[in-house]
Amino acid sequence: MGSKQQVLKAIEELPDDASVEDALDRIHLLYKVERGFRQAEDGQLLSQEEVRQRMARWLT
């Protein structure tokens, strides 16, 4: 499924009372997931230790 179709499907699946902000949040999530998959395919991965270090900085 292409990106345009994914976006349209995500919007169609929102409840009828969803706001524009809800739609934008859903589209932004789709973008981030797609970007993560591309990065993984390109070998741009973090080790478990690197993730732990980053999370430790976020949580302090």
PDB file of N, CA and C in Angstrom:
ATOM      1  N   MET A   1       0.848  -1.177   0.000  1.00  0.00           N
ATOM      2  CA  MET A   1       0.000   0.000   0.000  1.00  0.00           C
ATOM      3  C   MET A   1       0.891   1.237   0.000  1.00  0.00           C
ATOM      4  N   GLY A   2       0.569   2.181  -0.844  1.00  0.00           N
ATOM      5  CA  GLY A   2       1.346   3.408  -0.942  1.00  0.00           C
ATOM      6  C   GLY A   2       1.085   4.336   0.232  1.00  0.00           C
ATOM      7  N   SER A   3       1.935   5.327   0.353  1.00  0.00           N
ATOM      8  CA  SER A   3       1.818   6.276   1.466  1.00  0.00           C
ATOM      9  C   SER A   3       0.486   7.012   1.455  1.00  0.00           C
ATOM     10  N   LYS A   4       0.059   7.442   0.286  1.00  0.00           N
ATOM     11  CA  LYS A   4      -1.203   8.182   0.198  1.00  0.00           C
ATOM     12  C   LYS A   4      -2.359   7.295   0.669  1.00  0.00           C
ATOM     13  N   GLN A   5      -2.359   6.053   0.261  1.00  0.00           N
ATOM     14  CA  GLN A   5      -3.417   5.140   0.663  1.00  0.00           C
ATOM     15  C   GLN A   5      -3.374   4.889   2.169  1.00  0.00           C
ATOM     16  N   GLN A   6      -2.159   4.800   2.747  1.00  0.00           N
ATOM     17  CA  GLN A   6      -2.032   4.605   4.193  1.00  0.00           C
ATOM     18  C   GLN A   6      -2.609   5.792   4.955  1.00  0.00           C
ATOM     19  N   VAL A   7      -2.308   6.986   4.478  1.00  0.00           N
ATOM     20  CA  VAL A   7      -2.811   8.195   5.138  1.00  0.00           C
ATOM     21  C   VAL A   7      -4.329   8.244   5.052  1.00  0.00           C
ATOM     22  N   LEU A   8      -4.867   7.986   3.887  1.00  0.00           N
ATOM     23  CA  LEU A   8      -6.323   8.012   3.717  1.00  0.00           C
ATOM     24  C   LEU A   8      -6.998   6.969   4.602  1.00  0.00           C
ATOM     25  N   LYS A   9      -6.415   5.782   4.662  1.00  0.00           N
ATOM     26  CA  LYS A   9      -6.978   4.723   5.495  1.00  0.00           C
ATOM     27  C   LYS A   9      -6.933   5.117   6.966  1.00  0.00           C
ATOM     28  N   ALA A  10      -5.813   5.679   7.406  1.00  0.00           N
ATOM     29  CA  ALA A  10      -5.671   6.088   8.804  1.00  0.00           C
ATOM     30  C   ALA A  10      -6.719   7.139   9.166  1.00  0.00           C
ATOM     31  N   ILE A  11      -6.960   8.069   8.264  1.00  0.00           N
ATOM     32  CA  ILE A  11      -7.957   9.106   8.519  1.00  0.00           C
ATOM     33  C   ILE A  11      -9.364   8.517   8.522  1.00  0.00           C
ATOM     34  N   GLU A  12      -9.632   7.632   7.590  1.00  0.00           N
ATOM     35  CA  GLU A  12     -10.958   7.012   7.532  1.00  0.00           C
ATOM     36  C   GLU A  12     -11.257   6.195   8.777  1.00  0.00           C
ATOM     37  N   GLU A  13     -10.222   5.637   9.418  1.00  0.00           N
ATOM     38  CA  GLU A  13     -10.414   4.810  10.606  1.00  0.00           C
ATOM     39  C   GLU A  13     -10.602   5.630  11.879  1.00  0.00           C
ATOM     40  N   LEU A  14     -10.380   6.938  11.810  1.00  0.00           N
ATOM     41  CA  LEU A  14     -10.606   7.779  12.977  1.00  0.00           C
ATOM     42  C   LEU A  14     -12.095   7.849  13.288  1.00  0.00           C
ATOM     43  N   PRO A  15     -12.440   8.017  14.560  1.00  0.00           N
ATOM     44  CA  PRO A  15     -13.862   8.163  14.892  1.00  0.00           C
ATOM     45  C   PRO A  15     -14.436   9.446  14.275  1.00  0.00           C
ATOM     46  N   ASP A  16     -15.734   9.481  14.113  1.00  0.00           N
ATOM     47  CA  ASP A  16     -16.391  10.627  13.481  1.00  0.00           C
ATOM     48  C   ASP A  16     -16.159  11.936  14.232  1.00  0.00           C
ATOM     49  N   ASP A  17     -15.925  11.849  15.530  1.00  0.00           N
ATOM     50  CA  ASP A  17     -15.728  13.067  16.313  1.00  0.00           C
ATOM     51  C   ASP A  17     -14.252  13.447  16.467  1.00  0.00           C
ATOM     52  N   ALA A  18     -13.380  12.826  15.666  1.00  0.00           N
ATOM     53  CA  ALA A  18     -11.948  13.126  15.735  1.00  0.00           C
ATOM     54  C   ALA A  18     -11.678  14.545  15.254  1.00  0.00           C
ATOM     55  N   SER A  19     -10.679  15.151  15.871  1.00  0.00           N
ATOM     56  CA  SER A  19     -10.303  16.517  15.498  1.00  0.00           C
ATOM     57  C   SER A  19      -9.217  16.488  14.421  1.00  0.00           C
ATOM     58  N   VAL A  20      -8.936  17.651  13.879  1.00  0.00           N
ATOM     59  CA  VAL A  20      -7.835  17.772  12.923  1.00  0.00           C
ATOM     60  C   VAL A  20      -6.531  17.386  13.616  1.00  0.00           C
ATOM     61  N   GLU A  21      -6.401  17.774  14.871  1.00  0.00           N
ATOM     62  CA  GLU A  21      -5.203  17.414  15.632  1.00  0.00           C
ATOM     63  C   GLU A  21      -5.059  15.896  15.749  1.00  0.00           C
ATOM     64  N   ASP A  22      -6.161  15.181  15.964  1.00  0.00           N
ATOM     65  CA  ASP A  22      -6.123  13.717  16.014  1.00  0.00           C
ATOM     66  C   ASP A  22      -5.616  13.147  14.693  1.00  0.00           C
ATOM     67  N   ALA A  23      -6.106  13.707  13.586  1.00  0.00           N
ATOM     68  CA  ALA A  23      -5.675  13.244  12.266  1.00  0.00           C
ATOM     69  C   ALA A  23      -4.191  13.515  12.054  1.00  0.00           C
ATOM     70  N   LEU A  24      -3.738  14.694  12.436  1.00  0.00           N
ATOM     71  CA  LEU A  24      -2.322  15.020  12.288  1.00  0.00           C
ATOM     72  C   LEU A  24      -1.445  14.126  13.150  1.00  0.00           C
ATOM     73  N   ASP A  25      -1.909  13.825  14.366  1.00  0.00           N
ATOM     74  CA  ASP A  25      -1.157  12.912  15.234  1.00  0.00           C
ATOM     75  C   ASP A  25      -1.019  11.542  14.580  1.00  0.00           C
ATOM     76  N   ARG A  26      -2.088  11.060  13.993  1.00  0.00           N
ATOM     77  CA  ARG A  26      -2.069   9.743  13.347  1.00  0.00           C
ATOM     78  C   ARG A  26      -1.124   9.748  12.150  1.00  0.00           C
ATOM     79  N   ILE A  27      -1.175  10.802  11.343  1.00  0.00           N
ATOM     80  CA  ILE A  27      -0.297  10.908  10.170  1.00  0.00           C
ATOM     81  C   ILE A  27       1.161  11.011  10.611  1.00  0.00           C
ATOM     82  N   HIS A  28       1.415  11.773  11.665  1.00  0.00           N
ATOM     83  CA  HIS A  28       2.783  11.911  12.171  1.00  0.00           C
ATOM     84  C   HIS A  28       3.317  10.556  12.659  1.00  0.00           C
ATOM     85  N   LEU A  29       2.478   9.782  13.330  1.00  0.00           N
ATOM     86  CA  LEU A  29       2.882   8.447  13.773  1.00  0.00           C
ATOM     87  C   LEU A  29       3.232   7.568  12.578  1.00  0.00           C
ATOM     88  N   LEU A  30       2.403   7.593  11.550  1.00  0.00           N
ATOM     89  CA  LEU A  30       2.694   6.813  10.337  1.00  0.00           C
ATOM     90  C   LEU A  30       4.034   7.217   9.736  1.00  0.00           C
ATOM     91  N   TYR A  31       4.293   8.515   9.694  1.00  0.00           N
ATOM     92  CA  TYR A  31       5.557   9.019   9.160  1.00  0.00           C
ATOM     93  C   TYR A  31       6.738   8.482   9.963  1.00  0.00           C
ATOM     94  N   LYS A  32       6.630   8.553  11.292  1.00  0.00           N
ATOM     95  CA  LYS A  32       7.731   8.115  12.147  1.00  0.00           C
ATOM     96  C   LYS A  32       7.993   6.614  11.993  1.00  0.00           C
ATOM     97  N   VAL A  33       6.936   5.830  11.898  1.00  0.00           N
ATOM     98  CA  VAL A  33       7.096   4.378  11.739  1.00  0.00           C
ATOM     99  C   VAL A  33       7.746   4.071  10.391  1.00  0.00           C
ATOM    100  N   GLU A  34       7.256   4.712   9.335  1.00  0.00           N
ATOM    101  CA  GLU A  34       7.823   4.494   8.001  1.00  0.00           C
ATOM    102  C   GLU A  34       9.301   4.892   7.968  1.00  0.00           C
ATOM    103  N   ARG A  35       9.612   6.025   8.587  1.00  0.00           N
ATOM    104  CA  ARG A  35      10.998   6.490   8.646  1.00  0.00           C
ATOM    105  C   ARG A  35      11.875   5.495   9.405  1.00  0.00           C
ATOM    106  N   GLY A  36      11.353   4.944  10.489  1.00  0.00           N
ATOM    107  CA  GLY A  36      12.097   3.950  11.260  1.00  0.00           C
ATOM    108  C   GLY A  36      12.372   2.696  10.449  1.00  0.00           C
ATOM    109  N   PHE A  37      11.395   2.240   9.693  1.00  0.00           N
ATOM    110  CA  PHE A  37      11.599   1.068   8.839  1.00  0.00           C
ATOM    111  C   PHE A  37      12.689   1.336   7.789  1.00  0.00           C
ATOM    112  N   ARG A  38      12.648   2.535   7.182  1.00  0.00           N
ATOM    113  CA  ARG A  38      13.668   2.880   6.188  1.00  0.00           C
ATOM    114  C   ARG A  38      15.060   2.919   6.812  1.00  0.00           C
ATOM    115  N   GLN A  39      15.145   3.488   8.006  1.00  0.00           N
ATOM    116  CA  GLN A  39      16.438   3.550   8.685  1.00  0.00           C
ATOM    117  C   GLN A  39      16.944   2.144   8.996  1.00  0.00           C
ATOM    118  N   ALA A  40      16.068   1.265   9.431  1.00  0.00           N
ATOM    119  CA  ALA A  40      16.465  -0.114   9.729  1.00  0.00           C
ATOM    120  C   ALA A  40      16.947  -0.818   8.464  1.00  0.00           C
ATOM    121  N   GLU A  41      16.228  -0.617   7.373  1.00  0.00           N
ATOM    122  CA  GLU A  41      16.635  -1.226   6.104  1.00  0.00           C
ATOM    123  C   GLU A  41      18.000  -0.723   5.651  1.00  0.00           C
ATOM    124  N   ASP A  42      18.301   0.542   5.980  1.00  0.00           N
ATOM    125  CA  ASP A  42      19.591   1.138   5.610  1.00  0.00           C
ATOM    126  C   ASP A  42      20.694   0.811   6.610  1.00  0.00           C
ATOM    127  N   GLY A  43      20.376   0.010   7.619  1.00  0.00           N
ATOM    128  CA  GLY A  43      21.370  -0.383   8.595  1.00  0.00           C
ATOM    129  C   GLY A  43      21.637   0.656   9.678  1.00  0.00           C
ATOM    130  N   GLN A  44      20.788   1.639   9.763  1.00  0.00           N
ATOM    131  CA  GLN A  44      20.943   2.699  10.768  1.00  0.00           C
ATOM    132  C   GLN A  44      20.258   2.253  12.060  1.00  0.00           C
ATOM    133  N   LEU A  45      20.895   1.325  12.744  1.00  0.00           N
ATOM    134  CA  LEU A  45      20.322   0.749  13.953  1.00  0.00           C
ATOM    135  C   LEU A  45      21.152   1.136  15.167  1.00  0.00           C
ATOM    136  N   LEU A  46      20.535   1.088  16.333  1.00  0.00           N
ATOM    137  CA  LEU A  46      21.231   1.338  17.582  1.00  0.00           C
ATOM    138  C   LEU A  46      21.347   0.031  18.348  1.00  0.00           C
ATOM    139  N   SER A  47      22.455  -0.121  19.054  1.00  0.00           N
ATOM    140  CA  SER A  47      22.595  -1.296  19.904  1.00  0.00           C
ATOM    141  C   SER A  47      21.711  -1.110  21.135  1.00  0.00           C
ATOM    142  N   GLN A  48      21.485  -2.196  21.835  1.00  0.00           N
ATOM    143  CA  GLN A  48      20.674  -2.120  23.041  1.00  0.00           C
ATOM    144  C   GLN A  48      21.331  -1.193  24.065  1.00  0.00           C
ATOM    145  N   GLU A  49      22.652  -1.218  24.149  1.00  0.00           N
ATOM    146  CA  GLU A  49      23.364  -0.350  25.086  1.00  0.00           C
ATOM    147  C   GLU A  49      23.196   1.122  24.717  1.00  0.00           C
ATOM    148  N   GLU A  50      23.246   1.441  23.416  1.00  0.00           N
ATOM    149  CA  GLU A  50      23.043   2.824  22.971  1.00  0.00           C
ATOM    150  C   GLU A  50      21.633   3.313  23.333  1.00  0.00           C
ATOM    151  N   VAL A  51      20.665   2.442  23.180  1.00  0.00           N
ATOM    152  CA  VAL A  51      19.296   2.802  23.521  1.00  0.00           C
ATOM    153  C   VAL A  51      19.184   3.051  25.023  1.00  0.00           C
ATOM    154  N   ARG A  52      19.787   2.195  25.822  1.00  0.00           N
ATOM    155  CA  ARG A  52      19.757   2.384  27.280  1.00  0.00           C
ATOM    156  C   ARG A  52      20.384   3.716  27.677  1.00  0.00           C
ATOM    157  N   GLN A  53      21.498   4.057  27.054  1.00  0.00           N
ATOM    158  CA  GLN A  53      22.159   5.319  27.370  1.00  0.00           C
ATOM    159  C   GLN A  53      21.291   6.517  27.008  1.00  0.00           C
ATOM    160  N   ARG A  54      20.663   6.463  25.850  1.00  0.00           N
ATOM    161  CA  ARG A  54      19.787   7.565  25.433  1.00  0.00           C
ATOM    162  C   ARG A  54      18.594   7.694  26.368  1.00  0.00           C
ATOM    163  N   MET A  55      17.992   6.572  26.711  1.00  0.00           N
ATOM    164  CA  MET A  55      16.832   6.611  27.588  1.00  0.00           C
ATOM    165  C   MET A  55      17.219   7.120  28.972  1.00  0.00           C
ATOM    166  N   ALA A  56      18.391   6.769  29.437  1.00  0.00           N
ATOM    167  CA  ALA A  56      18.844   7.249  30.738  1.00  0.00           C
ATOM    168  C   ALA A  56      18.959   8.770  30.734  1.00  0.00           C
ATOM    169  N   ARG A  57      19.430   9.328  29.630  1.00  0.00           N
ATOM    170  CA  ARG A  57      19.515  10.797  29.528  1.00  0.00           C
ATOM    171  C   ARG A  57      18.132  11.419  29.515  1.00  0.00           C
ATOM    172  N   TRP A  58      17.159  10.781  28.835  1.00  0.00           N
ATOM    173  CA  TRP A  58      15.810  11.316  28.765  1.00  0.00           C
ATOM    174  C   TRP A  58      15.132  11.292  30.126  1.00  0.00           C
ATOM    175  N   LEU A  59      15.442  10.278  30.913  1.00  0.00           N
ATOM    176  CA  LEU A  59      14.727  10.084  32.178  1.00  0.00           C
ATOM    177  C   LEU A  59      15.365  10.815  33.350  1.00  0.00           C
ATOM    178  N   THR A  60      16.468  11.497  33.114  1.00  0.00           N
ATOM    179  CA  THR A  60      17.102  12.228  34.220  1.00  0.00           C
ATOM    180  C   THR A  60      16.754  13.683  34.172  1.00  0.00           C
TER     181      THR A  60
END
